[in-house]
């Protein structure tokens, strides 16, 4: 992974002391993943409660009520699109 595409590590640390007294670097998650995780919370609420409630006003089920994987994939894709936009704006 290059820093250009991911924003680099979000919680990088110098490393931890290994058994042979050397330090092993720890990159942590990428900034892109961190942004996507934050966006996913809002996206989940939007898609499940506002845009596609599982049951509409008339009591009819929405297609996503039986296709949870489709909904979850859609939310994850949107979260990464927003993360990419955030990295670009940064």
Protein backbone atom coordinates (compact mmCIF):
# COMPACT_ATOMS: atom_id res chain seq x y z
CA UNK A 1 0.00 0.00 0.00
CA UNK A 2 1.31 3.41 -0.86
CA UNK A 3 0.81 6.47 1.31
CA UNK A 4 -0.64 8.31 -1.70
CA UNK A 5 -3.68 6.01 -1.93
CA UNK A 6 -4.32 5.35 1.75
CA UNK A 7 -3.21 8.49 3.55
CA UNK A 8 -0.57 6.53 5.45
CA UNK A 9 -0.93 5.02 8.90
CA UNK A 10 -3.61 6.50 11.18
CA UNK A 11 -2.15 5.30 14.48
CA UNK A 12 1.48 4.64 13.72
CA UNK A 13 3.93 3.93 16.49
CA UNK A 14 7.68 3.50 16.54
CA UNK A 15 7.39 -0.18 17.39
CA UNK A 16 7.42 -2.56 20.27
CA UNK A 17 10.30 -4.32 21.90
CA UNK A 18 10.67 -7.76 20.39
CA UNK A 19 12.17 -10.79 22.15
CA UNK A 20 15.57 -10.20 20.58
CA UNK A 21 15.64 -6.61 21.92
CA UNK A 22 15.03 -5.08 18.48
CA UNK A 23 12.04 -2.91 17.63
CA UNK A 24 9.41 -4.15 15.21
CA UNK A 25 7.63 -1.28 13.41
CA UNK A 26 3.85 -1.10 13.71
CA UNK A 27 1.97 0.85 11.07
CA UNK A 28 -1.56 0.42 12.36
CA UNK A 29 -4.60 1.00 10.17
CA UNK A 30 -4.50 3.40 7.25
CA UNK A 31 -6.02 6.84 7.42
CA UNK A 32 -8.35 5.76 4.59
CA UNK A 33 -9.64 2.87 6.73
CA UNK A 34 -10.07 5.20 9.70
CA UNK A 35 -12.07 7.71 7.64
CA UNK A 36 -14.19 4.89 6.17
CA UNK A 37 -14.95 3.53 9.64
CA UNK A 38 -16.16 6.95 10.77
CA UNK A 39 -18.24 7.42 7.60
CA UNK A 40 -19.76 3.94 7.88
CA UNK A 41 -21.59 4.80 11.10
CA UNK A 42 -23.38 7.71 9.47
CA UNK A 43 -23.94 5.74 6.26
CA UNK A 44 -25.50 2.85 8.14
CA UNK A 45 -27.94 5.15 9.90
CA UNK A 46 -28.78 6.94 6.65
CA UNK A 47 -29.32 3.83 4.54
CA UNK A 48 -31.21 1.78 7.15
CA UNK A 49 -33.32 4.42 8.89
CA UNK A 50 -33.80 7.26 6.42
CA UNK A 51 -33.33 6.12 2.84
CA UNK A 52 -34.24 2.43 2.96
CA UNK A 53 -36.17 1.63 6.10
CA UNK A 54 -36.80 -2.10 6.21
CA UNK A 55 -40.55 -1.45 6.28
CA UNK A 56 -42.13 1.53 4.53
CA UNK A 57 -45.06 3.66 5.73
CA UNK A 58 -47.59 1.21 4.30
CA UNK A 59 -46.03 -1.73 6.13
CA UNK A 60 -44.50 -3.21 2.98
CA UNK A 61 -41.02 -4.70 3.27
CA UNK A 62 -38.20 -3.11 1.30
CA UNK A 63 -36.02 -5.43 -0.86
CA UNK A 64 -33.04 -4.79 1.45
CA UNK A 65 -35.01 -6.35 4.30
CA UNK A 66 -34.26 -9.76 2.75
CA UNK A 67 -30.90 -8.85 1.16
CA UNK A 68 -28.84 -7.65 4.12
CA UNK A 69 -25.55 -8.43 2.36
CA UNK A 70 -26.53 -6.14 -0.51
CA UNK A 71 -27.25 -3.33 1.92
CA UNK A 72 -24.05 -3.88 3.90
CA UNK A 73 -21.94 -3.96 0.73
CA UNK A 74 -23.57 -0.73 -0.41
CA UNK A 75 -22.82 0.96 2.93
CA UNK A 76 -19.18 -0.21 2.86
CA UNK A 77 -18.67 1.01 -0.72
CA UNK A 78 -20.15 4.40 0.16
CA UNK A 79 -17.93 4.65 3.25
CA UNK A 80 -14.78 4.16 1.16
CA UNK A 81 -15.98 6.62 -1.48
CA UNK A 82 -16.39 9.21 1.24
CA UNK A 83 -13.00 8.30 2.74
CA UNK A 84 -11.38 8.80 -0.67
CA UNK A 85 -13.05 12.21 -0.98
CA UNK A 86 -11.79 13.13 2.49
CA UNK A 87 -8.23 12.14 1.56
CA UNK A 88 -8.46 14.16 -1.64
CA UNK A 89 -9.71 17.23 0.24
CA UNK A 90 -6.94 16.80 2.77
